[in-house]
Amino acid sequence: MSANHWLLWMTIPSFVLLVLLILVVAAFFLLIHITTPAPVVALDVNQALQQYRERIKGQALTDDEAATLTADFSQALEKAAGRYAAEHLAVVLVSQSVLAGATDVTASILLLTVQPTEDVA
């Protein structure tokens, strides 16, 4: 067997082993990613609505206008919570349903209600 044949026979198994090693490492990282639980965070809806009502309190609004603005804000808050959950791969719960152990992200979600959303096509 010439030197070129020996080199070819040694290169193919090395390449196969390298590919297998890469696949094993990729599978390991995928397994870690899949089995890592999503963080659980809390949103205090009552606090958010109260802050919004305080903000619009000084405006001369009828009861119907205030109710409409509050309903619009409530929808914006729900969308912002969904956006936060998607961006942070988290589970967002209403703070009243959490006994302990969840981080309060009300301020972060309130910031998302005033930031323009980017349409994802």
PDB file of N, CA and C in Angstrom:
ATOM      1  N   MET A   1       0.843  -1.162   0.000  1.00  0.00           N
ATOM      2  CA  MET A   1       0.000   0.000   0.000  1.00  0.00           C
ATOM      3  C   MET A   1       0.897   1.235   0.000  1.00  0.00           C
ATOM      4  N   SER A   2       0.597   2.135  -0.885  1.00  0.00           N
ATOM      5  CA  SER A   2       1.439   3.323  -0.992  1.00  0.00           C
ATOM      6  C   SER A   2       1.088   4.318   0.103  1.00  0.00           C
ATOM      7  N   ALA A   3       1.897   5.330   0.223  1.00  0.00           N
ATOM      8  CA  ALA A   3       1.710   6.337   1.258  1.00  0.00           C
ATOM      9  C   ALA A   3       0.403   7.101   1.054  1.00  0.00           C
ATOM     10  N   ASN A   4       0.016   7.347  -0.195  1.00  0.00           N
ATOM     11  CA  ASN A   4      -1.224   8.076  -0.473  1.00  0.00           C
ATOM     12  C   ASN A   4      -2.451   7.278  -0.028  1.00  0.00           C
ATOM     13  N   HIS A   5      -2.429   5.955  -0.263  1.00  0.00           N
ATOM     14  CA  HIS A   5      -3.552   5.125   0.165  1.00  0.00           C
ATOM     15  C   HIS A   5      -3.650   5.088   1.691  1.00  0.00           C
ATOM     16  N   TRP A   6      -2.528   4.973   2.346  1.00  0.00           N
ATOM     17  CA  TRP A   6      -2.525   4.954   3.806  1.00  0.00           C
ATOM     18  C   TRP A   6      -3.079   6.262   4.363  1.00  0.00           C
ATOM     19  N   LEU A   7      -2.690   7.396   3.764  1.00  0.00           N
ATOM     20  CA  LEU A   7      -3.166   8.701   4.196  1.00  0.00           C
ATOM     21  C   LEU A   7      -4.677   8.818   3.994  1.00  0.00           C
ATOM     22  N   LEU A   8      -5.191   8.310   2.870  1.00  0.00           N
ATOM     23  CA  LEU A   8      -6.611   8.334   2.594  1.00  0.00           C
ATOM     24  C   LEU A   8      -7.369   7.491   3.615  1.00  0.00           C
ATOM     25  N   TRP A   9      -6.864   6.296   3.928  1.00  0.00           N
ATOM     26  CA  TRP A   9      -7.529   5.411   4.874  1.00  0.00           C
ATOM     27  C   TRP A   9      -7.488   5.967   6.298  1.00  0.00           C
ATOM     28  N   MET A  10      -6.519   6.754   6.617  1.00  0.00           N
ATOM     29  CA  MET A  10      -6.452   7.354   7.949  1.00  0.00           C
ATOM     30  C   MET A  10      -7.285   8.651   8.026  1.00  0.00           C
ATOM     31  N   THR A  11      -7.461   9.342   6.912  1.00  0.00           N
ATOM     32  CA  THR A  11      -8.202  10.594   6.895  1.00  0.00           C
ATOM     33  C   THR A  11      -9.703  10.356   7.018  1.00  0.00           C
ATOM     34  N   ILE A  12     -10.227   9.360   6.347  1.00  0.00           N
ATOM     35  CA  ILE A  12     -11.669   9.084   6.373  1.00  0.00           C
ATOM     36  C   ILE A  12     -12.141   8.732   7.788  1.00  0.00           C
ATOM     37  N   PRO A  13     -11.510   7.797   8.505  1.00  0.00           N
ATOM     38  CA  PRO A  13     -11.965   7.527   9.870  1.00  0.00           C
ATOM     39  C   PRO A  13     -11.828   8.751  10.790  1.00  0.00           C
ATOM     40  N   SER A  14     -10.802   9.528  10.611  1.00  0.00           N
ATOM     41  CA  SER A  14     -10.630  10.728  11.431  1.00  0.00           C
ATOM     42  C   SER A  14     -11.760  11.716  11.171  1.00  0.00           C
ATOM     43  N   PHE A  15     -12.143  11.860   9.918  1.00  0.00           N
ATOM     44  CA  PHE A  15     -13.234  12.757   9.554  1.00  0.00           C
ATOM     45  C   PHE A  15     -14.551  12.255  10.142  1.00  0.00           C
ATOM     46  N   VAL A  16     -14.783  10.961  10.055  1.00  0.00           N
ATOM     47  CA  VAL A  16     -16.007  10.377  10.601  1.00  0.00           C
ATOM     48  C   VAL A  16     -16.049  10.576  12.116  1.00  0.00           C
ATOM     49  N   LEU A  17     -14.949  10.358  12.785  1.00  0.00           N
ATOM     50  CA  LEU A  17     -14.895  10.567  14.228  1.00  0.00           C
ATOM     51  C   LEU A  17     -15.140  12.031  14.588  1.00  0.00           C
ATOM     52  N   LEU A  18     -14.601  12.942  13.809  1.00  0.00           N
ATOM     53  CA  LEU A  18     -14.810  14.366  14.053  1.00  0.00           C
ATOM     54  C   LEU A  18     -16.283  14.729  13.892  1.00  0.00           C
ATOM     55  N   VAL A  19     -16.918  14.209  12.848  1.00  0.00           N
ATOM     56  CA  VAL A  19     -18.348  14.474  12.633  1.00  0.00           C
ATOM     57  C   VAL A  19     -19.163  13.896  13.784  1.00  0.00           C
ATOM     58  N   LEU A  20     -18.846  12.690  14.216  1.00  0.00           N
ATOM     59  CA  LEU A  20     -19.558  12.085  15.339  1.00  0.00           C
ATOM     60  C   LEU A  20     -19.378  12.894  16.623  1.00  0.00           C
ATOM     61  N   LEU A  21     -18.182  13.370  16.856  1.00  0.00           N
ATOM     62  CA  LEU A  21     -17.917  14.192  18.028  1.00  0.00           C
ATOM     63  C   LEU A  21     -18.742  15.477  17.990  1.00  0.00           C
ATOM     64  N   ILE A  22     -18.803  16.104  16.851  1.00  0.00           N
ATOM     65  CA  ILE A  22     -19.600  17.333  16.696  1.00  0.00           C
ATOM     66  C   ILE A  22     -21.077  17.043  16.942  1.00  0.00           C
ATOM     67  N   LEU A  23     -21.575  15.919  16.425  1.00  0.00           N
ATOM     68  CA  LEU A  23     -22.971  15.555  16.634  1.00  0.00           C
ATOM     69  C   LEU A  23     -23.268  15.273  18.104  1.00  0.00           C
ATOM     70  N   VAL A  24     -22.361  14.621  18.786  1.00  0.00           N
ATOM     71  CA  VAL A  24     -22.563  14.333  20.207  1.00  0.00           C
ATOM     72  C   VAL A  24     -22.587  15.629  21.016  1.00  0.00           C
ATOM     73  N   VAL A  25     -21.669  16.538  20.731  1.00  0.00           N
ATOM     74  CA  VAL A  25     -21.632  17.822  21.447  1.00  0.00           C
ATOM     75  C   VAL A  25     -22.904  18.621  21.153  1.00  0.00           C
ATOM     76  N   ALA A  26     -23.350  18.636  19.902  1.00  0.00           N
ATOM     77  CA  ALA A  26     -24.577  19.356  19.545  1.00  0.00           C
ATOM     78  C   ALA A  26     -25.784  18.747  20.258  1.00  0.00           C
ATOM     79  N   ALA A  27     -25.846  17.427  20.311  1.00  0.00           N
ATOM     80  CA  ALA A  27     -26.953  16.755  20.997  1.00  0.00           C
ATOM     81  C   ALA A  27     -26.934  17.078  22.490  1.00  0.00           C
ATOM     82  N   PHE A  28     -25.759  17.144  23.072  1.00  0.00           N
ATOM     83  CA  PHE A  28     -25.633  17.476  24.489  1.00  0.00           C
ATOM     84  C   PHE A  28     -26.171  18.876  24.768  1.00  0.00           C
ATOM     85  N   PHE A  29     -25.769  19.856  23.963  1.00  0.00           N
ATOM     86  CA  PHE A  29     -26.236  21.222  24.176  1.00  0.00           C
ATOM     87  C   PHE A  29     -27.734  21.346  23.913  1.00  0.00           C
ATOM     88  N   LEU A  30     -28.253  20.617  22.949  1.00  0.00           N
ATOM     89  CA  LEU A  30     -29.684  20.617  22.681  1.00  0.00           C
ATOM     90  C   LEU A  30     -30.442  20.026  23.870  1.00  0.00           C
ATOM     91  N   LEU A  31     -29.935  18.955  24.426  1.00  0.00           N
ATOM     92  CA  LEU A  31     -30.560  18.335  25.587  1.00  0.00           C
ATOM     93  C   LEU A  31     -30.564  19.283  26.778  1.00  0.00           C
ATOM     94  N   ILE A  32     -29.468  19.977  26.999  1.00  0.00           N
ATOM     95  CA  ILE A  32     -29.387  20.953  28.089  1.00  0.00           C
ATOM     96  C   ILE A  32     -30.406  22.072  27.868  1.00  0.00           C
ATOM     97  N   HIS A  33     -30.501  22.547  26.624  1.00  0.00           N
ATOM     98  CA  HIS A  33     -31.418  23.643  26.313  1.00  0.00           C
ATOM     99  C   HIS A  33     -32.873  23.211  26.487  1.00  0.00           C
ATOM    100  N   ILE A  34     -33.200  22.025  26.061  1.00  0.00           N
ATOM    101  CA  ILE A  34     -34.575  21.547  26.132  1.00  0.00           C
ATOM    102  C   ILE A  34     -34.996  21.282  27.576  1.00  0.00           C
ATOM    103  N   THR A  35     -34.096  20.756  28.379  1.00  0.00           N
ATOM    104  CA  THR A  35     -34.459  20.377  29.740  1.00  0.00           C
ATOM    105  C   THR A  35     -34.341  21.514  30.748  1.00  0.00           C
ATOM    106  N   THR A  36     -33.824  22.665  30.341  1.00  0.00           N
ATOM    107  CA  THR A  36     -33.728  23.807  31.252  1.00  0.00           C
ATOM    108  C   THR A  36     -35.116  24.441  31.379  1.00  0.00           C
ATOM    109  N   PRO A  37     -35.654  24.525  32.577  1.00  0.00           N
ATOM    110  CA  PRO A  37     -36.999  25.086  32.728  1.00  0.00           C
ATOM    111  C   PRO A  37     -37.018  26.586  32.454  1.00  0.00           C
ATOM    112  N   ALA A  38     -38.145  27.051  31.970  1.00  0.00           N
ATOM    113  CA  ALA A  38     -38.307  28.478  31.717  1.00  0.00           C
ATOM    114  C   ALA A  38     -38.436  29.214  33.049  1.00  0.00           C
ATOM    115  N   PRO A  39     -37.840  30.392  33.150  1.00  0.00           N
ATOM    116  CA  PRO A  39     -37.992  31.147  34.399  1.00  0.00           C
ATOM    117  C   PRO A  39     -39.438  31.607  34.577  1.00  0.00           C
ATOM    118  N   VAL A  40     -39.883  31.639  35.821  1.00  0.00           N
ATOM    119  CA  VAL A  40     -41.228  32.092  36.146  1.00  0.00           C
ATOM    120  C   VAL A  40     -41.117  33.491  36.742  1.00  0.00           C
ATOM    121  N   VAL A  41     -41.846  34.431  36.151  1.00  0.00           N
ATOM    122  CA  VAL A  41     -41.832  35.815  36.621  1.00  0.00           C
ATOM    123  C   VAL A  41     -43.261  36.245  36.918  1.00  0.00           C
ATOM    124  N   ALA A  42     -43.381  37.319  37.688  1.00  0.00           N
ATOM    125  CA  ALA A  42     -44.701  37.790  38.105  1.00  0.00           C
ATOM    126  C   ALA A  42     -44.961  39.204  37.600  1.00  0.00           C
ATOM    127  N   LEU A  43     -46.210  39.447  37.238  1.00  0.00           N
ATOM    128  CA  LEU A  43     -46.669  40.766  36.807  1.00  0.00           C
ATOM    129  C   LEU A  43     -47.800  41.191  37.733  1.00  0.00           C
ATOM    130  N   ASP A  44     -47.635  42.330  38.391  1.00  0.00           N
ATOM    131  CA  ASP A  44     -48.672  42.857  39.274  1.00  0.00           C
ATOM    132  C   ASP A  44     -49.604  43.741  38.446  1.00  0.00           C
ATOM    133  N   VAL A  45     -50.679  43.136  37.969  1.00  0.00           N
ATOM    134  CA  VAL A  45     -51.620  43.833  37.090  1.00  0.00           C
ATOM    135  C   VAL A  45     -52.322  44.960  37.838  1.00  0.00           C
ATOM    136  N   ASN A  46     -52.704  44.710  39.083  1.00  0.00           N
ATOM    137  CA  ASN A  46     -53.390  45.753  39.854  1.00  0.00           C
ATOM    138  C   ASN A  46     -52.506  46.986  40.028  1.00  0.00           C
ATOM    139  N   GLN A  47     -51.241  46.767  40.321  1.00  0.00           N
ATOM    140  CA  GLN A  47     -50.308  47.887  40.476  1.00  0.00           C
ATOM    141  C   GLN A  47     -50.157  48.640  39.153  1.00  0.00           C
ATOM    142  N   ALA A  48     -50.045  47.905  38.058  1.00  0.00           N
ATOM    143  CA  ALA A  48     -49.880  48.537  36.750  1.00  0.00           C
ATOM    144  C   ALA A  48     -51.112  49.369  36.389  1.00  0.00           C
ATOM    145  N   LEU A  49     -52.304  48.812  36.610  1.00  0.00           N
ATOM    146  CA  LEU A  49     -53.529  49.550  36.307  1.00  0.00           C
ATOM    147  C   LEU A  49     -53.682  50.764  37.223  1.00  0.00           C
ATOM    148  N   GLN A  50     -53.312  50.613  38.486  1.00  0.00           N
ATOM    149  CA  GLN A  50     -53.392  51.738  39.423  1.00  0.00           C
ATOM    150  C   GLN A  50     -52.447  52.864  38.999  1.00  0.00           C
ATOM    151  N   GLN A  51     -51.238  52.521  38.599  1.00  0.00           N
ATOM    152  CA  GLN A  51     -50.290  53.541  38.138  1.00  0.00           C
ATOM    153  C   GLN A  51     -50.830  54.244  36.894  1.00  0.00           C
ATOM    154  N   TYR A  52     -51.439  53.478  36.003  1.00  0.00           N
ATOM    155  CA  TYR A  52     -51.980  54.088  34.782  1.00  0.00           C
ATOM    156  C   TYR A  52     -53.151  55.014  35.124  1.00  0.00           C
ATOM    157  N   ARG A  53     -54.015  54.569  36.025  1.00  0.00           N
ATOM    158  CA  ARG A  53     -55.151  55.416  36.415  1.00  0.00           C
ATOM    159  C   ARG A  53     -54.666  56.710  37.075  1.00  0.00           C
ATOM    160  N   GLU A  54     -53.605  56.609  37.867  1.00  0.00           N
ATOM    161  CA  GLU A  54     -53.039  57.816  38.491  1.00  0.00           C
ATOM    162  C   GLU A  54     -52.475  58.757  37.429  1.00  0.00           C
ATOM    163  N   ARG A  55     -51.892  58.180  36.386  1.00  0.00           N
ATOM    164  CA  ARG A  55     -51.318  58.995  35.320  1.00  0.00           C
ATOM    165  C   ARG A  55     -52.390  59.750  34.544  1.00  0.00           C
ATOM    166  N   ILE A  56     -53.530  59.120  34.308  1.00  0.00           N
ATOM    167  CA  ILE A  56     -54.571  59.798  33.523  1.00  0.00           C
ATOM    168  C   ILE A  56     -55.570  60.553  34.409  1.00  0.00           C
ATOM    169  N   LYS A  57     -55.394  60.479  35.708  1.00  0.00           N
ATOM    170  CA  LYS A  57     -56.320  61.099  36.658  1.00  0.00           C
ATOM    171  C   LYS A  57     -56.399  62.609  36.473  1.00  0.00           C
ATOM    172  N   GLY A  58     -55.288  63.238  36.171  1.00  0.00           N
ATOM    173  CA  GLY A  58     -55.259  64.691  36.048  1.00  0.00           C
ATOM    174  C   GLY A  58     -55.901  65.212  34.772  1.00  0.00           C
ATOM    175  N   GLN A  59     -56.165  64.338  33.827  1.00  0.00           N
ATOM    176  CA  GLN A  59     -56.774  64.770  32.571  1.00  0.00           C
ATOM    177  C   GLN A  59     -58.287  64.919  32.756  1.00  0.00           C
ATOM    178  N   ALA A  60     -58.845  65.838  32.011  1.00  0.00           N
ATOM    179  CA  ALA A  60     -60.300  66.044  32.070  1.00  0.00           C
ATOM    180  C   ALA A  60     -60.962  65.018  31.152  1.00  0.00           C
ATOM    181  N   LEU A  61     -61.319  63.871  31.734  1.00  0.00           N
ATOM    182  CA  LEU A  61     -61.925  62.789  30.954  1.00  0.00           C
ATOM    183  C   LEU A  61     -63.276  62.419  31.531  1.00  0.00           C
ATOM    184  N   THR A  62     -64.166  62.032  30.643  1.00  0.00           N
ATOM    185  CA  THR A  62     -65.440  61.494  31.123  1.00  0.00           C
ATOM    186  C   THR A  62     -65.191  60.062  31.611  1.00  0.00           C
ATOM    187  N   ASP A  63     -66.156  59.510  32.292  1.00  0.00           N
ATOM    188  CA  ASP A  63     -66.012  58.138  32.782  1.00  0.00           C
ATOM    189  C   ASP A  63     -65.850  57.150  31.628  1.00  0.00           C
ATOM    190  N   ASP A  64     -66.585  57.383  30.541  1.00  0.00           N
ATOM    191  CA  ASP A  64     -66.478  56.497  29.377  1.00  0.00           C
ATOM    192  C   ASP A  64     -65.098  56.584  28.730  1.00  0.00           C
ATOM    193  N   GLU A  65     -64.560  57.789  28.625  1.00  0.00           N
ATOM    194  CA  GLU A  65     -63.222  57.965  28.047  1.00  0.00           C
ATOM    195  C   GLU A  65     -62.166  57.300  28.920  1.00  0.00           C
ATOM    196  N   ALA A  66     -62.282  57.474  30.239  1.00  0.00           N
ATOM    197  CA  ALA A  66     -61.333  56.841  31.153  1.00  0.00           C
ATOM    198  C   ALA A  66     -61.429  55.321  31.068  1.00  0.00           C
ATOM    199  N   ALA A  67     -62.641  54.788  30.960  1.00  0.00           N
ATOM    200  CA  ALA A  67     -62.830  53.341  30.839  1.00  0.00           C
ATOM    201  C   ALA A  67     -62.238  52.824  29.528  1.00  0.00           C
ATOM    202  N   THR A  68     -62.414  53.582  28.457  1.00  0.00           N
ATOM    203  CA  THR A  68     -61.854  53.183  27.163  1.00  0.00           C
ATOM    204  C   THR A  68     -60.329  53.190  27.206  1.00  0.00           C
ATOM    205  N   LEU A  69     -59.757  54.254  27.784  1.00  0.00           N
ATOM    206  CA  LEU A  69     -58.301  54.332  27.894  1.00  0.00           C
ATOM    207  C   LEU A  69     -57.751  53.209  28.768  1.00  0.00           C
ATOM    208  N   THR A  70     -58.444  52.898  29.845  1.00  0.00           N
ATOM    209  CA  THR A  70     -58.003  51.823  30.735  1.00  0.00           C
ATOM    210  C   THR A  70     -58.085  50.471  30.021  1.00  0.00           C
ATOM    211  N   ALA A  71     -59.139  50.256  29.256  1.00  0.00           N
ATOM    212  CA  ALA A  71     -59.264  49.001  28.489  1.00  0.00           C
ATOM    213  C   ALA A  71     -58.160  48.891  27.435  1.00  0.00           C
ATOM    214  N   ASP A  72     -57.861  50.009  26.776  1.00  0.00           N
ATOM    215  CA  ASP A  72     -56.766  50.012  25.792  1.00  0.00           C
ATOM    216  C   ASP A  72     -55.432  49.702  26.466  1.00  0.00           C
ATOM    217  N   PHE A  73     -55.222  50.302  27.638  1.00  0.00           N
ATOM    218  CA  PHE A  73     -53.982  50.046  28.373  1.00  0.00           C
ATOM    219  C   PHE A  73     -53.906  48.590  28.806  1.00  0.00           C
ATOM    220  N   SER A  74     -55.028  48.033  29.221  1.00  0.00           N
ATOM    221  CA  SER A  74     -55.064  46.636  29.640  1.00  0.00           C
ATOM    222  C   SER A  74     -54.662  45.716  28.480  1.00  0.00           C
ATOM    223  N   GLN A  75     -55.138  46.021  27.280  1.00  0.00           N
ATOM    224  CA  GLN A  75     -54.750  45.244  26.097  1.00  0.00           C
ATOM    225  C   GLN A  75     -53.270  45.419  25.795  1.00  0.00           C
ATOM    226  N   ALA A  76     -52.780  46.651  25.912  1.00  0.00           N
ATOM    227  CA  ALA A  76     -51.354  46.912  25.679  1.00  0.00           C
ATOM    228  C   ALA A  76     -50.501  46.181  26.708  1.00  0.00           C
ATOM    229  N   LEU A  77     -50.984  46.114  27.941  1.00  0.00           N
ATOM    230  CA  LEU A  77     -50.264  45.407  29.003  1.00  0.00           C
ATOM    231  C   LEU A  77     -50.202  43.904  28.698  1.00  0.00           C
ATOM    232  N   GLU A  78     -51.300  43.361  28.218  1.00  0.00           N
ATOM    233  CA  GLU A  78     -51.329  41.939  27.862  1.00  0.00           C
ATOM    234  C   GLU A  78     -50.357  41.643  26.715  1.00  0.00           C
ATOM    235  N   LYS A  79     -50.331  42.497  25.705  1.00  0.00           N
ATOM    236  CA  LYS A  79     -49.395  42.316  24.592  1.00  0.00           C
ATOM    237  C   LYS A  79     -47.948  42.445  25.061  1.00  0.00           C
ATOM    238  N   ALA A  80     -47.707  43.407  25.950  1.00  0.00           N
ATOM    239  CA  ALA A  80     -46.352  43.605  26.474  1.00  0.00           C
ATOM    240  C   ALA A  80     -45.903  42.396  27.288  1.00  0.00           C
ATOM    241  N   ALA A  81     -46.817  41.801  28.048  1.00  0.00           N
ATOM    242  CA  ALA A  81     -46.479  40.607  28.820  1.00  0.00           C
ATOM    243  C   ALA A  81     -46.138  39.449  27.878  1.00  0.00           C
ATOM    244  N   GLY A  82     -46.885  39.316  26.803  1.00  0.00           N
ATOM    245  CA  GLY A  82     -46.576  38.289  25.805  1.00  0.00           C
ATOM    246  C   GLY A  82     -45.236  38.531  25.130  1.00  0.00           C
ATOM    247  N   ARG A  83     -44.973  39.791  24.845  1.00  0.00           N
ATOM    248  CA  ARG A  83     -43.684  40.145  24.231  1.00  0.00           C
ATOM    249  C   ARG A  83     -42.528  39.850  25.181  1.00  0.00           C
ATOM    250  N   TYR A  84     -42.707  40.180  26.466  1.00  0.00           N
ATOM    251  CA  TYR A  84     -41.676  39.901  27.457  1.00  0.00           C
ATOM    252  C   TYR A  84     -41.432  38.399  27.549  1.00  0.00           C
ATOM    253  N   ALA A  85     -42.511  37.631  27.592  1.00  0.00           N
ATOM    254  CA  ALA A  85     -42.391  36.173  27.684  1.00  0.00           C
ATOM    255  C   ALA A  85     -41.632  35.610  26.480  1.00  0.00           C
ATOM    256  N   ALA A  86     -41.927  36.119  25.301  1.00  0.00           N
ATOM    257  CA  ALA A  86     -41.260  35.633  24.093  1.00  0.00           C
ATOM    258  C   ALA A  86     -39.782  36.028  24.058  1.00  0.00           C
ATOM    259  N   GLU A  87     -39.494  37.259  24.435  1.00  0.00           N
ATOM    260  CA  GLU A  87     -38.107  37.739  24.392  1.00  0.00           C
ATOM    261  C   GLU A  87     -37.225  37.080  25.447  1.00  0.00           C
ATOM    262  N   HIS A  88     -37.805  36.761  26.607  1.00  0.00           N
ATOM    263  CA  HIS A  88     -37.015  36.206  27.709  1.00  0.00           C
ATOM    264  C   HIS A  88     -37.237  34.705  27.909  1.00  0.00           C
ATOM    265  N   LEU A  89     -38.051  34.105  27.036  1.00  0.00           N
ATOM    266  CA  LEU A  89     -38.383  32.684  27.157  1.00  0.00           C
ATOM    267  C   LEU A  89     -38.824  32.364  28.585  1.00  0.00           C
ATOM    268  N   ALA A  90     -39.752  33.169  29.063  1.00  0.00           N
ATOM    269  CA  ALA A  90     -40.203  33.067  30.444  1.00  0.00           C
ATOM    270  C   ALA A  90     -41.707  32.814  30.499  1.00  0.00           C
ATOM    271  N   VAL A  91     -42.137  32.374  31.655  1.00  0.00           N
ATOM    272  CA  VAL A  91     -43.559  32.222  31.940  1.00  0.00           C
ATOM    273  C   VAL A  91     -43.961  33.403  32.808  1.00  0.00           C
ATOM    274  N   VAL A  92     -44.921  34.200  32.336  1.00  0.00           N
ATOM    275  CA  VAL A  92     -45.372  35.374  33.077  1.00  0.00           C
ATOM    276  C   VAL A  92     -46.692  35.025  33.757  1.00  0.00           C
ATOM    277  N   LEU A  93     -46.694  35.118  35.079  1.00  0.00           N
ATOM    278  CA  LEU A  93     -47.899  34.862  35.872  1.00  0.00           C
ATOM    279  C   LEU A  93     -48.360  36.147  36.538  1.00  0.00           C
ATOM    280  N   VAL A  94     -49.649  36.219  36.800  1.00  0.00           N
ATOM    281  CA  VAL A  94     -50.187  37.337  37.562  1.00  0.00           C
ATOM    282  C   VAL A  94     -49.687  37.169  38.996  1.00  0.00           C
ATOM    283  N   SER A  95     -49.205  38.248  39.588  1.00  0.00           N
ATOM    284  CA  SER A  95     -48.562  38.149  40.909  1.00  0.00           C
ATOM    285  C   SER A  95     -49.500  37.603  41.985  1.00  0.00           C
ATOM    286  N   GLN A  96     -50.802  37.786  41.824  1.00  0.00           N
ATOM    287  CA  GLN A  96     -51.746  37.283  42.816  1.00  0.00           C
ATOM    288  C   GLN A  96     -51.778  35.741  42.826  1.00  0.00           C
ATOM    289  N   SER A  97     -51.324  35.116  41.753  1.00  0.00           N
ATOM    290  CA  SER A  97     -51.337  33.653  41.692  1.00  0.00           C
ATOM    291  C   SER A  97     -50.012  33.034  42.128  1.00  0.00           C
ATOM    292  N   VAL A  98     -49.055  33.867  42.514  1.00  0.00           N
ATOM    293  CA  VAL A  98     -47.733  33.378  42.910  1.00  0.00           C
ATOM    294  C   VAL A  98     -47.597  33.470  44.433  1.00  0.00           C
ATOM    295  N   LEU A  99     -47.256  32.349  45.040  1.00  0.00           N
ATOM    296  CA  LEU A  99     -47.039  32.364  46.485  1.00  0.00           C
ATOM    297  C   LEU A  99     -45.650  32.877  46.832  1.00  0.00           C
ATOM    298  N   ALA A 100     -44.635  32.379  46.097  1.00  0.00           N
ATOM    299  CA  ALA A 100     -43.254  32.792  46.367  1.00  0.00           C
ATOM    300  C   ALA A 100     -42.363  32.314  45.233  1.00  0.00           C
ATOM    301  N   GLY A 101     -41.220  32.956  45.129  1.00  0.00           N
ATOM    302  CA  GLY A 101     -40.178  32.468  44.228  1.00  0.00           C
ATOM    303  C   GLY A 101     -40.146  33.042  42.834  1.00  0.00           C
ATOM    304  N   ALA A 102     -41.071  33.920  42.479  1.00  0.00           N
ATOM    305  CA  ALA A 102     -41.066  34.514  41.142  1.00  0.00           C
ATOM    306  C   ALA A 102     -40.563  35.954  41.231  1.00  0.00           C
ATOM    307  N   THR A 103     -39.765  36.339  40.267  1.00  0.00           N
ATOM    308  CA  THR A 103     -39.250  37.701  40.199  1.00  0.00           C
ATOM    309  C   THR A 103     -40.333  38.630  39.663  1.00  0.00           C
ATOM    310  N   ASP A 104     -40.513  39.782  40.305  1.00  0.00           N
ATOM    311  CA  ASP A 104     -41.502  40.760  39.848  1.00  0.00           C
ATOM    312  C   ASP A 104     -40.906  41.559  38.688  1.00  0.00           C
ATOM    313  N   VAL A 105     -41.559  41.490  37.535  1.00  0.00           N
ATOM    314  CA  VAL A 105     -41.074  42.196  36.346  1.00  0.00           C
ATOM    315  C   VAL A 105     -42.082  43.242  35.869  1.00  0.00           C
ATOM    316  N   THR A 106     -42.893  43.725  36.779  1.00  0.00           N
ATOM    317  CA  THR A 106     -43.926  44.692  36.416  1.00  0.00           C
ATOM    318  C   THR A 106     -43.323  45.933  35.762  1.00  0.00           C
ATOM    319  N   ALA A 107     -42.244  46.452  36.321  1.00  0.00           N
ATOM    320  CA  ALA A 107     -41.622  47.662  35.764  1.00  0.00           C
ATOM    321  C   ALA A 107     -41.110  47.420  34.344  1.00  0.00           C
ATOM    322  N   SER A 108     -40.503  46.272  34.110  1.00  0.00           N
ATOM    323  CA  SER A 108     -39.989  45.960  32.775  1.00  0.00           C
ATOM    324  C   SER A 108     -41.117  45.839  31.760  1.00  0.00           C
ATOM    325  N   ILE A 109     -42.214  45.223  32.170  1.00  0.00           N
ATOM    326  CA  ILE A 109     -43.344  45.063  31.251  1.00  0.00           C
ATOM    327  C   ILE A 109     -44.031  46.405  31.011  1.00  0.00           C
ATOM    328  N   LEU A 110     -44.092  47.245  32.032  1.00  0.00           N
ATOM    329  CA  LEU A 110     -44.658  48.585  31.830  1.00  0.00           C
ATOM    330  C   LEU A 110     -43.838  49.382  30.817  1.00  0.00           C
ATOM    331  N   LEU A 111     -42.530  49.217  30.842  1.00  0.00           N
ATOM    332  CA  LEU A 111     -41.692  49.893  29.839  1.00  0.00           C
ATOM    333  C   LEU A 111     -42.022  49.409  28.438  1.00  0.00           C
ATOM    334  N   LEU A 112     -42.355  48.140  28.298  1.00  0.00           N
ATOM    335  CA  LEU A 112     -42.690  47.602  26.977  1.00  0.00           C
ATOM    336  C   LEU A 112     -44.020  48.138  26.461  1.00  0.00           C
ATOM    337  N   THR A 113     -44.900  48.602  27.362  1.00  0.00           N
ATOM    338  CA  THR A 113     -46.181  49.135  26.898  1.00  0.00           C
ATOM    339  C   THR A 113     -46.009  50.473  26.195  1.00  0.00           C
ATOM    340  N   VAL A 114     -44.936  51.178  26.502  1.00  0.00           N
ATOM    341  CA  VAL A 114     -44.725  52.484  25.872  1.00  0.00           C
ATOM    342  C   VAL A 114     -43.733  52.427  24.719  1.00  0.00           C
ATOM    343  N   GLN A 115     -43.023  51.302  24.574  1.00  0.00           N
ATOM    344  CA  GLN A 115     -42.087  51.167  23.475  1.00  0.00           C
ATOM    345  C   GLN A 115     -42.816  50.650  22.250  1.00  0.00           C
ATOM    346  N   PRO A 116     -42.466  51.179  21.063  1.00  0.00           N
ATOM    347  CA  PRO A 116     -43.111  50.665  19.854  1.00  0.00           C
ATOM    348  C   PRO A 116     -42.689  49.220  19.603  1.00  0.00           C
ATOM    349  N   THR A 117     -43.627  48.445  19.107  1.00  0.00           N
ATOM    350  CA  THR A 117     -43.323  47.040  18.803  1.00  0.00           C
ATOM    351  C   THR A 117     -42.819  46.942  17.379  1.00  0.00           C
ATOM    352  N   GLU A 118     -41.919  45.999  17.182  1.00  0.00           N
ATOM    353  CA  GLU A 118     -41.402  45.739  15.841  1.00  0.00           C
ATOM    354  C   GLU A 118     -42.217  44.606  15.254  1.00  0.00           C
ATOM    355  N   ASP A 119     -42.798  44.833  14.092  1.00  0.00           N
ATOM    356  CA  ASP A 119     -43.571  43.784  13.452  1.00  0.00           C
ATOM    357  C   ASP A 119     -42.639  42.709  12.950  1.00  0.00           C
ATOM    358  N   VAL A 120     -42.954  41.474  13.336  1.00  0.00           N
ATOM    359  CA  VAL A 120     -42.163  40.334  12.896  1.00  0.00           C
ATOM    360  C   VAL A 120     -42.888  39.701  11.736  1.00  0.00           C
ATOM    361  N   ALA A 121     -42.274  39.723  10.579  1.00  0.00           N
ATOM    362  CA  ALA A 121     -42.916  39.171   9.383  1.00  0.00           C
ATOM    363  C   ALA A 121     -42.601  37.712   9.219  1.00  0.00           C
TER     364      ALA A 121
END
